[in-house]
Structures are given as structure tokens and as C-alpha cells.
C-alpha atoms as a PDB file:
ATOM      1  CA  MET A   1       7.850  80.824 104.702  1.00  0.00           C
ATOM      2  CA  ALA A   2       8.954  83.900 102.764  1.00  0.00           C
ATOM      3  CA  ARG A   3      12.720  84.148 102.532  1.00  0.00           C
ATOM      4  CA  ILE A   4      12.800  87.886 101.776  1.00  0.00           C
ATOM      5  CA  PRO A   5      10.952  90.448 103.893  1.00  0.00           C
ATOM      6  CA  MET A   6       7.982  92.117 102.251  1.00  0.00           C
ATOM      7  CA  VAL A   7       7.368  95.840 102.237  1.00  0.00           C
ATOM      8  CA  GLU A   8       4.387  96.323 104.516  1.00  0.00           C
ATOM      9  CA  PRO A   9       1.564  98.815 103.767  1.00  0.00           C
ATOM     10  CA  ALA A  10       2.767 101.218 106.463  1.00  0.00           C
ATOM     11  CA  GLY A  11       6.236 101.229 104.900  1.00  0.00           C
ATOM     12  CA  GLU A  12       5.270 101.687 101.249  1.00  0.00           C
ATOM     13  CA  PRO A  13       7.789 104.070  99.676  1.00  0.00           C
ATOM     14  CA  ALA A  14       6.269 107.117  97.984  1.00  0.00           C
ATOM     15  CA  GLU A  15       7.951 106.127  94.699  1.00  0.00           C
ATOM     16  CA  LEU A  16       5.919 102.888  94.649  1.00  0.00           C
ATOM     17  CA  ARG A  17       2.574 104.346  95.625  1.00  0.00           C
ATOM     18  CA  GLU A  18       1.364 104.527  92.011  1.00  0.00           C
ATOM     19  CA  VAL A  19       2.303 100.882  91.332  1.00  0.00           C
ATOM     20  CA  PHE A  20       0.641  99.723  94.556  1.00  0.00           C
ATOM     21  CA  GLU A  21      -2.507 101.733  93.807  1.00  0.00           C
ATOM     22  CA  GLN A  22      -2.697 100.188  90.332  1.00  0.00           C
ATOM     23  CA  LEU A  23      -2.454  96.749  91.950  1.00  0.00           C
ATOM     24  CA  ARG A  24      -5.234  97.585  94.376  1.00  0.00           C
ATOM     25  CA  ARG A  25      -7.420  98.670  91.425  1.00  0.00           C
ATOM     26  CA  THR A  26      -6.682  95.642  89.234  1.00  0.00           C
ATOM     27  CA  ARG A  27      -6.163  92.951  91.888  1.00  0.00           C
ATOM     28  CA  GLY A  28      -8.010  94.342  94.890  1.00  0.00           C
ATOM     29  CA  ARG A  29      -4.810  94.055  96.944  1.00  0.00           C
ATOM     30  CA  VAL A  30      -1.029  94.167  96.751  1.00  0.00           C
ATOM     31  CA  PRO A  31       0.083  90.527  96.469  1.00  0.00           C
ATOM     32  CA  GLY A  32       3.113  89.225  98.321  1.00  0.00           C
ATOM     33  CA  MET A  33       5.132  88.951  95.106  1.00  0.00           C
ATOM     34  CA  TYR A  34       4.942  92.704  94.613  1.00  0.00           C
ATOM     35  CA  ARG A  35       5.601  93.459  98.274  1.00  0.00           C
ATOM     36  CA  THR A  36       8.759  91.333  97.968  1.00  0.00           C
ATOM     37  CA  LEU A  37       9.887  92.877  94.682  1.00  0.00           C
ATOM     38  CA  ALA A  38       9.357  96.288  96.303  1.00  0.00           C
ATOM     39  CA  GLN A  39      12.709  95.741  98.003  1.00  0.00           C
ATOM     40  CA  GLN A  40      14.138  96.736  94.604  1.00  0.00           C
ATOM     41  CA  PRO A  41      11.779  99.432  93.233  1.00  0.00           C
ATOM     42  CA  ALA A  42      13.118  99.419  89.663  1.00  0.00           C
ATOM     43  CA  VAL A  43      12.586  95.655  89.389  1.00  0.00           C
ATOM     44  CA  LEU A  44       9.094  95.966  90.857  1.00  0.00           C
ATOM     45  CA  ALA A  45       8.146  98.710  88.398  1.00  0.00           C
ATOM     46  CA  ALA A  46       9.456  96.738  85.414  1.00  0.00           C
ATOM     47  CA  HIS A  47       7.830  93.491  86.524  1.00  0.00           C
ATOM     48  CA  ARG A  48       4.504  95.207  87.154  1.00  0.00           C
ATOM     49  CA  ALA A  49       4.588  97.031  83.815  1.00  0.00           C
ATOM     50  CA  TYR A  50       5.185  93.755  81.949  1.00  0.00           C
ATOM     51  CA  PHE A  51       2.541  91.874  83.939  1.00  0.00           C
ATOM     52  CA  HIS A  52       0.036  94.707  83.464  1.00  0.00           C
ATOM     53  CA  ALA A  53       0.614  94.723  79.690  1.00  0.00           C
ATOM     54  CA  ALA A  54       0.367  90.938  79.416  1.00  0.00           C
ATOM     55  CA  LEU A  55      -2.576  90.298  81.749  1.00  0.00           C
ATOM     56  CA  ASP A  56      -4.586  93.398  82.632  1.00  0.00           C
ATOM     57  CA  THR A  57      -4.695  95.114  79.248  1.00  0.00           C
ATOM     58  CA  GLY A  58      -4.422  94.179  75.596  1.00  0.00           C
ATOM     59  CA  ALA A  59      -6.593  92.691  72.906  1.00  0.00           C
ATOM     60  CA  LEU A  60      -7.666  89.523  74.722  1.00  0.00           C
ATOM     61  CA  PRO A  61     -10.182  89.458  77.578  1.00  0.00           C
ATOM     62  CA  ARG A  62      -8.888  89.176  81.131  1.00  0.00           C
ATOM     63  CA  PRO A  63     -11.077  86.141  82.035  1.00  0.00           C
ATOM     64  CA  PHE A  64      -9.519  84.157  79.185  1.00  0.00           C
ATOM     65  CA  LYS A  65      -6.006  85.221  80.174  1.00  0.00           C
ATOM     66  CA  GLU A  66      -6.624  84.160  83.780  1.00  0.00           C
ATOM     67  CA  LYS A  67      -7.298  80.635  82.525  1.00  0.00           C
ATOM     68  CA  ILE A  68      -3.914  80.653  80.802  1.00  0.00           C
ATOM     69  CA  ALA A  69      -2.221  82.071  83.919  1.00  0.00           C
ATOM     70  CA  PHE A  70      -3.843  79.370  86.037  1.00  0.00           C
ATOM     71  CA  LYS A  71      -2.703  76.636  83.627  1.00  0.00           C
ATOM     72  CA  VAL A  72       0.897  77.853  83.625  1.00  0.00           C
ATOM     73  CA  ALA A  73       0.915  78.066  87.429  1.00  0.00           C
ATOM     74  CA  ARG A  74      -0.390  74.498  87.679  1.00  0.00           C
ATOM     75  CA  LEU A  75       2.166  73.214  85.171  1.00  0.00           C
ATOM     76  CA  ARG A  76       4.926  74.911  87.148  1.00  0.00           C
ATOM     77  CA  ALA A  77       3.509  73.497  90.424  1.00  0.00           C
ATOM     78  CA  SER A  78       3.512  76.964  91.955  1.00  0.00           C
ATOM     79  CA  ALA A  79       1.167  76.985  94.937  1.00  0.00           C
ATOM     80  CA  TYR A  80       1.584  80.757  95.202  1.00  0.00           C
ATOM     81  CA  SER A  81       0.660  81.550  91.578  1.00  0.00           C
ATOM     82  CA  THR A  82      -1.972  78.806  91.396  1.00  0.00           C
ATOM     83  CA  GLY A  83      -3.758  80.226  94.422  1.00  0.00           C
ATOM     84  CA  SER A  84      -3.729  83.754  93.065  1.00  0.00           C
ATOM     85  CA  HIS A  85      -4.782  82.975  89.515  1.00  0.00           C
ATOM     86  CA  ARG A  86      -7.383  80.398  90.504  1.00  0.00           C
ATOM     87  CA  SER A  87      -9.033  83.110  92.604  1.00  0.00           C
ATOM     88  CA  TYR A  88      -8.764  85.686  89.825  1.00  0.00           C
ATOM     89  CA  ALA A  89     -10.141  83.228  87.245  1.00  0.00           C
ATOM     90  CA  LEU A  90     -13.130  82.479  89.463  1.00  0.00           C
ATOM     91  CA  GLU A  91     -13.694  86.212  90.066  1.00  0.00           C
ATOM     92  CA  HIS A  92     -13.700  86.714  86.292  1.00  0.00           C
ATOM     93  CA  GLY A  93     -16.305  84.055  85.600  1.00  0.00           C
ATOM     94  CA  ALA A  94     -14.514  80.727  85.276  1.00  0.00           C
ATOM     95  CA  SER A  95     -16.231  77.873  87.083  1.00  0.00           C
ATOM     96  CA  PRO A  96     -14.484  75.424  89.414  1.00  0.00           C
ATOM     97  CA  GLY A  97     -15.361  72.641  86.977  1.00  0.00           C
ATOM     98  CA  GLU A  98     -13.845  74.525  84.066  1.00  0.00           C
ATOM     99  CA  LEU A  99     -10.615  75.086  86.017  1.00  0.00           C
ATOM    100  CA  ALA A 100     -10.512  71.410  87.008  1.00  0.00           C
ATOM    101  CA  ALA A 101     -10.811  70.460  83.329  1.00  0.00           C
ATOM    102  CA  ILE A 102      -8.064  72.931  82.383  1.00  0.00           C
ATOM    103  CA  ASP A 103      -5.887  71.477  85.128  1.00  0.00           C
ATOM    104  CA  ARG A 104      -6.361  68.008  83.564  1.00  0.00           C
ATOM    105  CA  SER A 105      -5.648  69.407  80.063  1.00  0.00           C
ATOM    106  CA  ASP A 106      -9.179  68.437  79.080  1.00  0.00           C
ATOM    107  CA  TYR A 107     -10.106  71.255  76.723  1.00  0.00           C
ATOM    108  CA  ARG A 108     -13.083  69.534  75.051  1.00  0.00           C
ATOM    109  CA  GLY A 109     -15.628  71.784  76.782  1.00  0.00           C
ATOM    110  CA  LEU A 110     -13.937  74.988  75.620  1.00  0.00           C
ATOM    111  CA  GLU A 111     -14.252  76.931  72.402  1.00  0.00           C
ATOM    112  CA  ALA A 112     -11.721  75.775  69.793  1.00  0.00           C
ATOM    113  CA  LYS A 113      -9.794  79.042  70.039  1.00  0.00           C
ATOM    114  CA  GLU A 114      -9.437  78.814  73.841  1.00  0.00           C
ATOM    115  CA  ALA A 115      -8.357  75.178  73.551  1.00  0.00           C
ATOM    116  CA  ALA A 116      -5.722  76.114  70.963  1.00  0.00           C
ATOM    117  CA  ALA A 117      -4.319  78.841  73.223  1.00  0.00           C
ATOM    118  CA  LEU A 118      -4.193  76.571  76.264  1.00  0.00           C
ATOM    119  CA  GLU A 119      -2.495  73.801  74.288  1.00  0.00           C
ATOM    120  CA  PHE A 120       0.026  76.343  73.024  1.00  0.00           C
ATOM    121  CA  ALA A 121       0.648  77.614  76.577  1.00  0.00           C
ATOM    122  CA  GLU A 122       1.077  74.078  77.849  1.00  0.00           C
ATOM    123  CA  ALA A 123       3.543  73.285  75.068  1.00  0.00           C
ATOM    124  CA  MET A 124       5.495  76.482  75.767  1.00  0.00           C
ATOM    125  CA  VAL A 125       5.984  75.452  79.387  1.00  0.00           C
ATOM    126  CA  ARG A 126       6.698  71.782  78.758  1.00  0.00           C
ATOM    127  CA  ALA A 127       9.027  72.370  75.778  1.00  0.00           C
ATOM    128  CA  ARG A 128      10.651  75.494  77.248  1.00  0.00           C
ATOM    129  CA  GLY A 129       9.396  77.597  74.369  1.00  0.00           C
ATOM    130  CA  ALA A 130      10.210  75.142  71.563  1.00  0.00           C
ATOM    131  CA  VAL A 131       6.611  74.945  70.371  1.00  0.00           C
ATOM    132  CA  GLU A 132       5.754  72.814  67.341  1.00  0.00           C
ATOM    133  CA  ASP A 133       4.724  74.608  64.151  1.00  0.00           C
ATOM    134  CA  ARG A 134       1.361  72.842  64.141  1.00  0.00           C
ATOM    135  CA  LEU A 135       0.411  74.541  67.423  1.00  0.00           C
ATOM    136  CA  VAL A 136       1.427  77.956  66.105  1.00  0.00           C
ATOM    137  CA  ASP A 137      -0.596  77.266  62.957  1.00  0.00           C
ATOM    138  CA  ARG A 138      -3.632  76.417  65.116  1.00  0.00           C
ATOM    139  CA  LEU A 139      -3.218  79.712  66.941  1.00  0.00           C
ATOM    140  CA  LYS A 140      -2.952  81.604  63.658  1.00  0.00           C
ATOM    141  CA  ALA A 141      -6.311  80.150  62.637  1.00  0.00           C
ATOM    142  CA  HIS A 142      -7.951  81.918  65.600  1.00  0.00           C
ATOM    143  CA  TYR A 143      -5.753  84.829  66.628  1.00  0.00           C
ATOM    144  CA  SER A 144      -3.950  87.811  65.128  1.00  0.00           C
ATOM    145  CA  ALA A 145      -0.198  88.205  65.444  1.00  0.00           C
ATOM    146  CA  ARG A 146      -0.810  90.793  68.179  1.00  0.00           C
ATOM    147  CA  GLU A 147      -2.942  88.319  70.147  1.00  0.00           C
ATOM    148  CA  ILE A 148      -0.400  85.515  69.734  1.00  0.00           C
ATOM    149  CA  VAL A 149       2.317  87.771  71.116  1.00  0.00           C
ATOM    150  CA  GLU A 150       0.002  88.596  74.034  1.00  0.00           C
ATOM    151  CA  ILE A 151      -0.561  84.892  74.786  1.00  0.00           C
ATOM    152  CA  ALA A 152       3.148  84.039  74.567  1.00  0.00           C
ATOM    153  CA  ALA A 153       4.102  87.077  76.683  1.00  0.00           C
ATOM    154  CA  LEU A 154       1.597  86.034  79.337  1.00  0.00           C
ATOM    155  CA  VAL A 155       3.035  82.523  79.468  1.00  0.00           C
ATOM    156  CA  GLY A 156       6.532  83.998  79.758  1.00  0.00           C
ATOM    157  CA  ILE A 157       5.721  86.375  82.608  1.00  0.00           C
ATOM    158  CA  MET A 158       3.833  83.619  84.416  1.00  0.00           C
ATOM    159  CA  GLU A 159       6.888  81.376  84.158  1.00  0.00           C
ATOM    160  CA  LEU A 160       8.969  84.169  85.679  1.00  0.00           C
ATOM    161  CA  ALA A 161       6.419  84.761  88.442  1.00  0.00           C
ATOM    162  CA  CYS A 162       6.404  81.048  89.316  1.00  0.00           C
ATOM    163  CA  THR A 163      10.210  80.980  89.415  1.00  0.00           C
ATOM    164  CA  LEU A 164      10.378  84.062  91.653  1.00  0.00           C
ATOM    165  CA  ALA A 165       7.681  82.710  93.976  1.00  0.00           C
ATOM    166  CA  ALA A 166       9.695  79.523  94.435  1.00  0.00           C
ATOM    167  CA  ALA A 167      12.979  81.368  94.960  1.00  0.00           C
ATOM    168  CA  PHE A 168      11.414  83.754  97.497  1.00  0.00           C
ATOM    169  CA  GLY A 169       9.534  80.960  99.282  1.00  0.00           C
ATOM    170  CA  LEU A 170       6.190  82.725  98.797  1.00  0.00           C
ATOM    171  CA  GLU A 171       3.065  81.037 100.072  1.00  0.00           C
ATOM    172  CA  PRO A 172      -0.440  81.641  98.699  1.00  0.00           C
ATOM    173  CA  ASP A 173      -1.874  84.900 100.004  1.00  0.00           C
END
């Protein structure tokens, strides 16, 4: 059960309308995380701006980034984030079988570049950012510096989202 009250649609402050409308366009809804963070509008705006830059825009395709988001959520055992990003990954073309394989860290059925990114993401979470040089070198073989920053930033914001979901007691919505 959520520990912090969420801002309900009828009570959306005018200052957050733009952020909430962007969420409705990119997510189809305003998730509970954002309704909770709306209790502190400056934090909500900053969180949403970072998440938007890391997931919704950038050089890498959204379907690929949803696979990474799903993997991080599973590694962090976040039911809230897993539920959200599993749904988004499926909406963006991932299959249930592909997500099951990603959940098991079985990347054999993926392109080498996707496998490298998922292994890097997994190592970031498990090693708390202390990723081995060999994994960074594998990424460099497939991605530009800009894309590597995008992958690492996505893992970082997903870690934060999973931590906040746990602290706020958020359930999948």
C-alpha cells in the first residue's frame, strides 16, 4: 500500500499540467510514481526531465531501452517498475518469450549489441556501477560514447525509480 498520498487527476496543480500531459502522451497515463512525486513539484519536474531524456528520447530506440528498463527492474526486484516496464516493452514490440529470456540473463537470441548492453546494465546493478573494463570495451564495439552515456543514464534512473517505489510502497499500476 502506498505510504505517501498521490496527487489525483482532479487535484493536479496547474504548474504540473505540462509534465502530466507529457506523461499521458509518452506513457498513456500518469503512473503512480509521478503522482507521488507531485507532492514536491520541483522533484517531479527534475525526475521526469531525467527519465524523459534517458528513456523517451535520445539516440537509441525506445523498444530497446524498455528491455534495459525491464532488466534493471527485475534485478532490483521492484514489482512496481517491473510491471510498468514489462507492459511498455510489450507495447513496443518485445515478446513475452524475449522478456523471459532477458529475465534469465539468456541473451543468446538477441543481437550482439543488445546482449552487450544488457550485460553492461546487469553488471552496473550488481556491481553498483563498478563495471569491468571488458564490458565497457564490448559496448564501445557497438555504441558511440553518446549511446553508452544514454544506456548508463537509463540504468541509473531505473535504479532510482526502483528505490523510490520501494520507499513509497508503490504497487504495480
